[in-house]
């Protein structure tokens, strides 16, 4: 998937804008399940386009209303909050999903550079500054791995 533009709110109006930084314009690999859901969504959007006919407003956005116009970010925020409440999940802001993504990626052992690129940060330093607390056992894990490498000891590292 390519991130080529963003939707921003100026006053109460939405505007399509370029990402904040050059790194913000990027390609992001998606898992097959997410790709399948997005393909289903594209099918529904094609149906909307057909029904709207000449009223359709082409925007090249992934998420639009029934006639192709951008959906106001507040609408997404409210819908997300409703889904969270309906699912009886702890309250979380929509933007917090971005932090959750970074946290889970780092905890799974992904390199900070890869996580930084996925999120479109200008430098990897931001990820390291904000999320380095996520993996508190990193020093111990490194010590064990280096010890095993140097001593040739087949110590299982977790």
N, C-alpha and C. Protein backbone atom coordinates (compact mmCIF):
# COMPACT_ATOMS: atom_id res chain seq x y z
N UNK A 1 0.85 -1.16 0.00
CA UNK A 1 0.00 0.00 0.00
C UNK A 1 0.90 1.23 0.00
N UNK A 2 0.50 2.24 -0.73
CA UNK A 2 1.28 3.47 -0.80
C UNK A 2 0.60 4.59 -0.02
N UNK A 3 1.37 5.27 0.80
CA UNK A 3 0.88 6.47 1.49
C UNK A 3 1.42 7.65 0.69
N UNK A 4 0.51 8.32 0.00
CA UNK A 4 0.92 9.42 -0.89
C UNK A 4 0.33 10.76 -0.48
N UNK A 5 -0.74 10.71 0.31
CA UNK A 5 -1.40 11.94 0.75
C UNK A 5 -2.08 11.68 2.08
N UNK A 6 -2.42 12.77 2.74
CA UNK A 6 -3.13 12.67 4.01
C UNK A 6 -4.36 13.57 3.96
N UNK A 7 -5.26 13.32 4.86
CA UNK A 7 -6.43 14.15 4.97
C UNK A 7 -6.29 14.94 6.27
N UNK A 8 -6.33 16.25 6.17
CA UNK A 8 -6.17 17.10 7.35
C UNK A 8 -7.43 17.96 7.51
N UNK A 9 -7.62 18.42 8.72
CA UNK A 9 -8.75 19.30 9.01
C UNK A 9 -8.22 20.71 9.22
N UNK A 10 -8.77 21.64 8.47
CA UNK A 10 -8.44 23.05 8.62
C UNK A 10 -9.75 23.75 8.96
N UNK A 11 -9.82 24.30 10.16
CA UNK A 11 -11.11 24.77 10.65
C UNK A 11 -11.94 23.52 10.89
N UNK A 12 -13.05 23.41 10.23
CA UNK A 12 -13.83 22.17 10.30
C UNK A 12 -13.88 21.48 8.94
N UNK A 13 -13.18 22.05 7.96
CA UNK A 13 -13.18 21.50 6.60
C UNK A 13 -11.99 20.55 6.41
N UNK A 14 -12.20 19.53 5.59
CA UNK A 14 -11.12 18.59 5.28
C UNK A 14 -10.40 19.02 4.02
N UNK A 15 -9.09 18.78 4.00
CA UNK A 15 -8.28 19.07 2.84
C UNK A 15 -7.29 17.93 2.64
N UNK A 16 -7.05 17.58 1.38
CA UNK A 16 -6.03 16.59 1.07
C UNK A 16 -4.69 17.33 1.08
N UNK A 17 -3.71 16.70 1.71
CA UNK A 17 -2.40 17.33 1.88
C UNK A 17 -1.31 16.29 1.65
N UNK A 18 -0.11 16.77 1.46
CA UNK A 18 1.04 15.87 1.38
C UNK A 18 1.42 15.46 2.80
N UNK A 19 2.04 14.30 2.97
CA UNK A 19 2.53 13.93 4.31
C UNK A 19 3.47 15.00 4.85
N UNK A 20 3.60 15.06 6.19
CA UNK A 20 4.38 16.11 6.85
C UNK A 20 5.85 16.10 6.44
N UNK A 21 6.41 14.91 6.20
CA UNK A 21 7.83 14.81 5.85
C UNK A 21 7.98 13.95 4.60
N UNK A 22 9.16 14.00 4.00
CA UNK A 22 9.43 13.16 2.83
C UNK A 22 9.31 11.68 3.18
N UNK A 23 9.69 11.32 4.41
CA UNK A 23 9.58 9.91 4.84
C UNK A 23 8.13 9.49 5.01
N UNK A 24 7.24 10.48 5.16
CA UNK A 24 5.82 10.17 5.31
C UNK A 24 5.22 9.60 4.04
N UNK A 25 5.79 9.93 2.89
CA UNK A 25 5.35 9.36 1.61
C UNK A 25 6.10 8.05 1.48
N UNK A 26 5.37 6.93 1.55
CA UNK A 26 6.04 5.64 1.63
C UNK A 26 5.16 4.50 1.17
N UNK A 27 5.77 3.34 1.00
CA UNK A 27 5.04 2.10 0.76
C UNK A 27 5.06 1.31 2.05
N UNK A 28 3.94 0.68 2.35
CA UNK A 28 3.82 -0.11 3.57
C UNK A 28 3.27 -1.49 3.18
N UNK A 29 4.00 -2.53 3.54
CA UNK A 29 3.52 -3.88 3.29
C UNK A 29 2.38 -4.20 4.25
N UNK A 30 1.38 -4.89 3.75
CA UNK A 30 0.24 -5.29 4.57
C UNK A 30 0.12 -6.81 4.57
N UNK A 31 -0.43 -7.34 5.65
CA UNK A 31 -0.66 -8.78 5.72
C UNK A 31 -1.82 -9.15 4.79
N UNK A 32 -1.90 -10.42 4.43
CA UNK A 32 -2.91 -10.88 3.47
C UNK A 32 -4.34 -10.67 3.96
N UNK A 33 -4.57 -10.79 5.27
CA UNK A 33 -5.92 -10.56 5.82
C UNK A 33 -6.37 -9.12 5.62
N UNK A 34 -5.47 -8.19 5.88
CA UNK A 34 -5.79 -6.77 5.70
C UNK A 34 -6.02 -6.46 4.23
N UNK A 35 -5.20 -7.04 3.37
CA UNK A 35 -5.36 -6.83 1.92
C UNK A 35 -6.73 -7.33 1.48
N UNK A 36 -7.16 -8.49 1.99
CA UNK A 36 -8.46 -9.05 1.62
C UNK A 36 -9.59 -8.10 2.05
N UNK A 37 -9.49 -7.56 3.27
CA UNK A 37 -10.52 -6.64 3.76
C UNK A 37 -10.54 -5.37 2.89
N UNK A 38 -9.38 -4.86 2.53
CA UNK A 38 -9.33 -3.65 1.69
C UNK A 38 -9.87 -3.92 0.29
N UNK A 39 -9.66 -5.12 -0.23
CA UNK A 39 -10.23 -5.47 -1.55
C UNK A 39 -11.76 -5.52 -1.47
N UNK A 40 -12.30 -6.09 -0.39
CA UNK A 40 -13.75 -6.11 -0.19
C UNK A 40 -14.28 -4.68 -0.13
N UNK A 41 -13.57 -3.84 0.59
CA UNK A 41 -13.97 -2.43 0.71
C UNK A 41 -13.95 -1.75 -0.66
N UNK A 42 -12.92 -2.03 -1.45
CA UNK A 42 -12.83 -1.43 -2.80
C UNK A 42 -14.01 -1.87 -3.66
N UNK A 43 -14.46 -3.11 -3.47
CA UNK A 43 -15.63 -3.59 -4.20
C UNK A 43 -16.88 -2.82 -3.81
N UNK A 44 -17.05 -2.58 -2.50
CA UNK A 44 -18.20 -1.80 -2.04
C UNK A 44 -18.10 -0.36 -2.55
N UNK A 45 -16.89 0.16 -2.59
CA UNK A 45 -16.70 1.53 -3.08
C UNK A 45 -17.02 1.61 -4.57
N UNK A 46 -16.68 0.58 -5.32
CA UNK A 46 -17.01 0.54 -6.75
C UNK A 46 -18.53 0.52 -6.94
N UNK A 47 -19.23 -0.20 -6.05
CA UNK A 47 -20.70 -0.20 -6.09
C UNK A 47 -21.24 1.20 -5.80
N UNK A 48 -20.63 1.88 -4.82
CA UNK A 48 -21.04 3.25 -4.50
C UNK A 48 -20.86 4.16 -5.70
N UNK A 49 -19.73 4.01 -6.38
CA UNK A 49 -19.43 4.83 -7.56
C UNK A 49 -20.49 4.61 -8.63
N UNK A 50 -20.83 3.33 -8.85
CA UNK A 50 -21.84 3.01 -9.86
C UNK A 50 -23.20 3.62 -9.50
N UNK A 51 -23.59 3.51 -8.24
CA UNK A 51 -24.87 4.06 -7.79
C UNK A 51 -24.88 5.59 -7.85
N UNK A 52 -23.74 6.21 -7.53
CA UNK A 52 -23.67 7.67 -7.49
C UNK A 52 -23.65 8.29 -8.88
N UNK A 53 -23.13 7.55 -9.85
CA UNK A 53 -23.08 8.06 -11.22
C UNK A 53 -22.33 9.38 -11.30
N UNK A 54 -23.00 10.38 -11.89
CA UNK A 54 -22.36 11.68 -12.10
C UNK A 54 -22.12 12.45 -10.80
N UNK A 55 -22.77 12.04 -9.72
CA UNK A 55 -22.56 12.71 -8.44
C UNK A 55 -21.21 12.34 -7.81
N UNK A 56 -20.60 11.23 -8.29
CA UNK A 56 -19.35 10.73 -7.71
C UNK A 56 -18.26 11.78 -7.85
N UNK A 57 -17.56 12.02 -6.74
CA UNK A 57 -16.45 12.97 -6.73
C UNK A 57 -15.15 12.19 -6.55
N UNK A 58 -14.40 12.04 -7.60
CA UNK A 58 -13.16 11.24 -7.55
C UNK A 58 -12.14 11.90 -6.63
N UNK A 59 -11.61 11.12 -5.70
CA UNK A 59 -10.64 11.66 -4.75
C UNK A 59 -9.41 10.77 -4.60
N UNK A 60 -9.49 9.53 -5.08
CA UNK A 60 -8.42 8.54 -4.93
C UNK A 60 -8.15 8.20 -3.46
N UNK A 61 -9.10 8.51 -2.59
CA UNK A 61 -8.96 8.16 -1.18
C UNK A 61 -9.48 6.74 -0.96
N UNK A 62 -8.94 6.07 0.03
CA UNK A 62 -9.39 4.72 0.35
C UNK A 62 -10.77 4.77 0.99
N UNK A 63 -11.02 5.74 1.85
CA UNK A 63 -12.30 5.82 2.54
C UNK A 63 -13.01 7.12 2.17
N UNK A 64 -14.21 6.96 1.63
CA UNK A 64 -15.01 8.11 1.20
C UNK A 64 -16.46 7.89 1.63
N UNK A 65 -17.26 8.93 1.45
CA UNK A 65 -18.69 8.75 1.69
C UNK A 65 -19.32 8.11 0.45
N UNK A 66 -20.62 8.06 0.39
CA UNK A 66 -21.31 7.35 -0.69
C UNK A 66 -21.19 8.00 -2.05
N UNK A 67 -20.68 9.25 -2.10
CA UNK A 67 -20.48 9.88 -3.40
C UNK A 67 -19.01 10.28 -3.62
N UNK A 68 -18.11 9.63 -2.90
CA UNK A 68 -16.68 9.81 -3.16
C UNK A 68 -16.00 10.94 -2.42
N UNK A 69 -16.72 11.65 -1.59
CA UNK A 69 -16.11 12.76 -0.86
C UNK A 69 -15.32 12.23 0.33
N UNK A 70 -14.32 12.97 0.78
CA UNK A 70 -13.58 12.56 1.97
C UNK A 70 -14.49 12.47 3.18
N UNK A 71 -14.20 11.54 4.07
CA UNK A 71 -14.94 11.40 5.32
C UNK A 71 -14.20 12.23 6.36
N UNK A 72 -14.93 13.07 7.07
CA UNK A 72 -14.30 13.93 8.07
C UNK A 72 -13.65 13.07 9.15
N UNK A 73 -12.42 13.39 9.57
CA UNK A 73 -11.73 12.61 10.61
C UNK A 73 -12.54 12.44 11.89
N UNK A 74 -13.35 13.43 12.27
CA UNK A 74 -14.16 13.28 13.48
C UNK A 74 -15.17 12.14 13.36
N UNK A 75 -15.62 11.89 12.13
CA UNK A 75 -16.55 10.78 11.89
C UNK A 75 -15.87 9.46 12.21
N UNK A 76 -14.61 9.30 11.76
CA UNK A 76 -13.85 8.09 12.07
C UNK A 76 -13.63 7.95 13.57
N UNK A 77 -13.29 9.06 14.21
CA UNK A 77 -13.03 9.04 15.65
C UNK A 77 -14.27 8.57 16.41
N UNK A 78 -15.43 9.12 16.06
CA UNK A 78 -16.67 8.73 16.74
C UNK A 78 -17.04 7.28 16.45
N UNK A 79 -16.88 6.85 15.21
CA UNK A 79 -17.20 5.47 14.84
C UNK A 79 -16.28 4.49 15.56
N UNK A 80 -15.00 4.84 15.63
CA UNK A 80 -14.04 3.98 16.32
C UNK A 80 -14.41 3.87 17.80
N UNK A 81 -14.72 4.98 18.44
CA UNK A 81 -15.09 4.97 19.86
C UNK A 81 -16.33 4.11 20.08
N UNK A 82 -17.28 4.17 19.16
CA UNK A 82 -18.49 3.35 19.28
C UNK A 82 -18.15 1.87 19.18
N UNK A 83 -17.28 1.50 18.23
CA UNK A 83 -16.89 0.09 18.08
C UNK A 83 -16.14 -0.41 19.32
N UNK A 84 -15.29 0.43 19.87
CA UNK A 84 -14.56 0.05 21.09
C UNK A 84 -15.54 -0.18 22.23
N UNK A 85 -16.48 0.73 22.40
CA UNK A 85 -17.47 0.60 23.47
C UNK A 85 -18.35 -0.64 23.25
N UNK A 86 -18.81 -0.84 22.01
CA UNK A 86 -19.66 -1.99 21.70
C UNK A 86 -18.95 -3.31 21.97
N UNK A 87 -17.64 -3.32 21.78
CA UNK A 87 -16.86 -4.54 22.00
C UNK A 87 -16.43 -4.68 23.46
N UNK A 88 -16.82 -3.73 24.30
CA UNK A 88 -16.48 -3.73 25.73
C UNK A 88 -14.97 -3.77 25.94
N UNK A 89 -14.25 -3.04 25.11
CA UNK A 89 -12.80 -2.93 25.23
C UNK A 89 -12.44 -1.72 26.08
N UNK A 90 -11.24 -1.71 26.63
CA UNK A 90 -10.81 -0.49 27.35
C UNK A 90 -10.79 0.69 26.38
N UNK A 91 -11.15 1.85 26.88
CA UNK A 91 -11.19 3.06 26.05
C UNK A 91 -9.80 3.36 25.50
N UNK A 92 -9.72 3.56 24.20
CA UNK A 92 -8.46 3.91 23.53
C UNK A 92 -8.80 4.87 22.39
N UNK A 93 -7.93 5.84 22.19
CA UNK A 93 -8.15 6.78 21.09
C UNK A 93 -7.72 6.13 19.77
N UNK A 94 -8.30 6.56 18.69
CA UNK A 94 -7.96 6.02 17.38
C UNK A 94 -6.46 6.16 17.11
N UNK A 95 -5.91 7.32 17.42
CA UNK A 95 -4.48 7.55 17.17
C UNK A 95 -3.60 6.62 18.01
N UNK A 96 -4.12 6.15 19.14
CA UNK A 96 -3.35 5.23 19.98
C UNK A 96 -3.05 3.91 19.26
N UNK A 97 -3.83 3.58 18.24
CA UNK A 97 -3.55 2.36 17.47
C UNK A 97 -2.17 2.44 16.81
N UNK A 98 -1.78 3.62 16.43
CA UNK A 98 -0.45 3.82 15.83
C UNK A 98 0.63 3.47 16.85
N UNK A 99 0.44 3.90 18.10
CA UNK A 99 1.40 3.60 19.16
C UNK A 99 1.37 2.11 19.49
N UNK A 100 0.19 1.53 19.48
CA UNK A 100 0.07 0.09 19.74
C UNK A 100 0.82 -0.69 18.66
N UNK A 101 0.67 -0.27 17.41
CA UNK A 101 1.37 -0.92 16.30
C UNK A 101 2.88 -0.88 16.53
N UNK A 102 3.41 0.29 16.87
CA UNK A 102 4.85 0.43 17.10
C UNK A 102 5.29 -0.42 18.28
N UNK A 103 4.53 -0.39 19.36
CA UNK A 103 4.88 -1.15 20.55
C UNK A 103 4.92 -2.65 20.27
N UNK A 104 3.89 -3.16 19.61
CA UNK A 104 3.84 -4.59 19.31
C UNK A 104 4.96 -4.99 18.35
N UNK A 105 5.25 -4.15 17.38
CA UNK A 105 6.32 -4.46 16.43
C UNK A 105 7.67 -4.53 17.14
N UNK A 106 7.94 -3.58 18.00
CA UNK A 106 9.21 -3.60 18.74
C UNK A 106 9.27 -4.78 19.70
N UNK A 107 8.17 -5.07 20.39
CA UNK A 107 8.15 -6.20 21.32
C UNK A 107 8.35 -7.53 20.60
N UNK A 108 7.94 -7.59 19.33
CA UNK A 108 8.09 -8.83 18.57
C UNK A 108 9.53 -9.00 18.06
N UNK A 109 10.37 -8.00 18.31
CA UNK A 109 11.76 -8.10 17.91
C UNK A 109 12.09 -7.42 16.59
N UNK A 110 11.14 -6.70 16.03
CA UNK A 110 11.41 -6.00 14.78
C UNK A 110 12.42 -4.87 15.01
N UNK A 111 13.25 -4.67 14.02
CA UNK A 111 14.28 -3.62 14.10
C UNK A 111 13.61 -2.25 14.12
N UNK A 112 14.11 -1.36 14.95
CA UNK A 112 13.54 -0.02 15.09
C UNK A 112 13.52 0.73 13.76
N UNK A 113 14.49 0.49 12.89
CA UNK A 113 14.54 1.16 11.59
C UNK A 113 13.33 0.77 10.74
N UNK A 114 12.96 -0.51 10.77
CA UNK A 114 11.81 -0.99 10.00
C UNK A 114 10.52 -0.38 10.56
N UNK A 115 10.40 -0.34 11.87
CA UNK A 115 9.21 0.23 12.51
C UNK A 115 9.12 1.72 12.17
N UNK A 116 10.22 2.40 12.23
CA UNK A 116 10.27 3.82 11.91
C UNK A 116 9.82 4.08 10.47
N UNK A 117 10.29 3.26 9.54
CA UNK A 117 9.91 3.41 8.13
C UNK A 117 8.43 3.15 7.94
N UNK A 118 7.88 2.13 8.60
CA UNK A 118 6.45 1.83 8.48
C UNK A 118 5.60 3.01 8.92
N UNK A 119 6.02 3.67 10.01
CA UNK A 119 5.24 4.77 10.55
C UNK A 119 5.53 6.11 9.86
N UNK A 120 6.54 6.13 9.00
CA UNK A 120 6.84 7.35 8.26
C UNK A 120 7.56 8.40 9.06
N UNK A 121 8.29 7.99 10.09
CA UNK A 121 9.05 8.96 10.88
C UNK A 121 10.29 9.41 10.11
N UNK A 122 10.68 10.65 10.31
CA UNK A 122 11.82 11.22 9.61
C UNK A 122 13.13 10.55 10.03
N UNK A 123 13.20 10.14 11.31
CA UNK A 123 14.43 9.49 11.79
C UNK A 123 14.05 8.33 12.70
N UNK A 124 14.95 7.36 12.79
CA UNK A 124 14.75 6.23 13.68
C UNK A 124 14.90 6.67 15.14
N UNK A 125 15.56 7.80 15.36
CA UNK A 125 15.77 8.30 16.72
C UNK A 125 14.45 8.53 17.44
N UNK A 126 13.44 8.96 16.71
CA UNK A 126 12.14 9.20 17.34
C UNK A 126 11.59 7.90 17.93
N UNK A 127 11.62 6.84 17.15
CA UNK A 127 11.13 5.53 17.63
C UNK A 127 11.92 5.10 18.86
N UNK A 128 13.23 5.25 18.79
CA UNK A 128 14.07 4.82 19.91
C UNK A 128 13.80 5.66 21.16
N UNK A 129 13.62 6.96 21.00
CA UNK A 129 13.34 7.83 22.15
C UNK A 129 11.98 7.53 22.77
N UNK A 130 10.96 7.36 21.94
CA UNK A 130 9.60 7.22 22.44
C UNK A 130 9.29 5.80 22.92
N UNK A 131 9.86 4.79 22.24
CA UNK A 131 9.45 3.42 22.52
C UNK A 131 10.51 2.52 23.12
N UNK A 132 11.68 3.03 23.44
CA UNK A 132 12.74 2.16 23.95
C UNK A 132 12.36 1.51 25.28
N UNK A 133 11.45 2.10 26.03
CA UNK A 133 11.00 1.52 27.30
C UNK A 133 10.19 0.24 27.10
N UNK A 134 9.76 0.00 25.86
CA UNK A 134 8.87 -1.11 25.57
C UNK A 134 9.52 -2.47 25.81
N UNK A 135 10.81 -2.54 25.57
CA UNK A 135 11.50 -3.82 25.68
C UNK A 135 12.54 -3.72 26.79
N UNK A 136 12.08 -3.79 28.05
CA UNK A 136 12.98 -3.58 29.17
C UNK A 136 14.07 -4.64 29.29
N UNK A 137 13.88 -5.82 28.74
CA UNK A 137 14.88 -6.88 28.85
C UNK A 137 15.91 -6.88 27.74
N UNK A 138 15.99 -5.81 26.97
CA UNK A 138 16.89 -5.77 25.82
C UNK A 138 18.36 -5.94 26.22
N UNK A 139 18.79 -5.27 27.29
CA UNK A 139 20.18 -5.37 27.74
C UNK A 139 20.53 -6.81 28.10
N UNK A 140 19.66 -7.44 28.88
CA UNK A 140 19.90 -8.82 29.31
C UNK A 140 19.93 -9.76 28.12
N UNK A 141 18.98 -9.58 27.20
CA UNK A 141 18.92 -10.43 26.01
C UNK A 141 20.20 -10.28 25.18
N UNK A 142 20.67 -9.05 25.00
CA UNK A 142 21.89 -8.81 24.25
C UNK A 142 23.09 -9.46 24.93
N UNK A 143 23.18 -9.31 26.24
CA UNK A 143 24.29 -9.90 26.97
C UNK A 143 24.32 -11.42 26.78
N UNK A 144 23.17 -12.06 26.89
CA UNK A 144 23.10 -13.51 26.72
C UNK A 144 23.47 -13.92 25.30
N UNK A 145 22.96 -13.19 24.31
CA UNK A 145 23.26 -13.52 22.92
C UNK A 145 24.75 -13.36 22.61
N UNK A 146 25.34 -12.25 23.06
CA UNK A 146 26.75 -12.03 22.82
C UNK A 146 27.60 -13.08 23.53
N UNK A 147 27.23 -13.38 24.78
CA UNK A 147 27.95 -14.41 25.52
C UNK A 147 27.91 -15.75 24.80
N UNK A 148 26.75 -16.12 24.30
CA UNK A 148 26.61 -17.39 23.58
C UNK A 148 27.43 -17.37 22.30
N UNK A 149 27.47 -16.23 21.61
CA UNK A 149 28.24 -16.14 20.37
C UNK A 149 29.74 -16.24 20.64
N UNK A 150 30.22 -15.51 21.64
CA UNK A 150 31.64 -15.47 21.95
C UNK A 150 32.12 -16.80 22.53
N UNK A 151 31.35 -17.35 23.43
CA UNK A 151 31.77 -18.58 24.11
C UNK A 151 31.36 -19.84 23.34
N UNK A 152 30.58 -19.66 22.29
CA UNK A 152 30.13 -20.82 21.53
C UNK A 152 29.17 -21.69 22.32
N UNK A 153 28.57 -21.11 23.34
CA UNK A 153 27.66 -21.83 24.21
C UNK A 153 26.26 -21.81 23.60
N UNK A 154 25.67 -22.94 23.36
CA UNK A 154 24.32 -22.97 22.76
C UNK A 154 23.23 -22.63 23.77
N UNK A 155 23.35 -21.48 24.42
CA UNK A 155 22.36 -21.05 25.41
C UNK A 155 21.10 -20.62 24.67
N UNK A 156 19.97 -21.11 25.14
CA UNK A 156 18.70 -20.68 24.54
C UNK A 156 18.42 -19.26 25.03
N UNK A 157 18.20 -18.36 24.07
CA UNK A 157 17.97 -16.94 24.39
C UNK A 157 16.51 -16.61 24.18
N UNK A 158 15.92 -15.95 25.17
CA UNK A 158 14.51 -15.53 25.06
C UNK A 158 14.41 -14.05 25.13
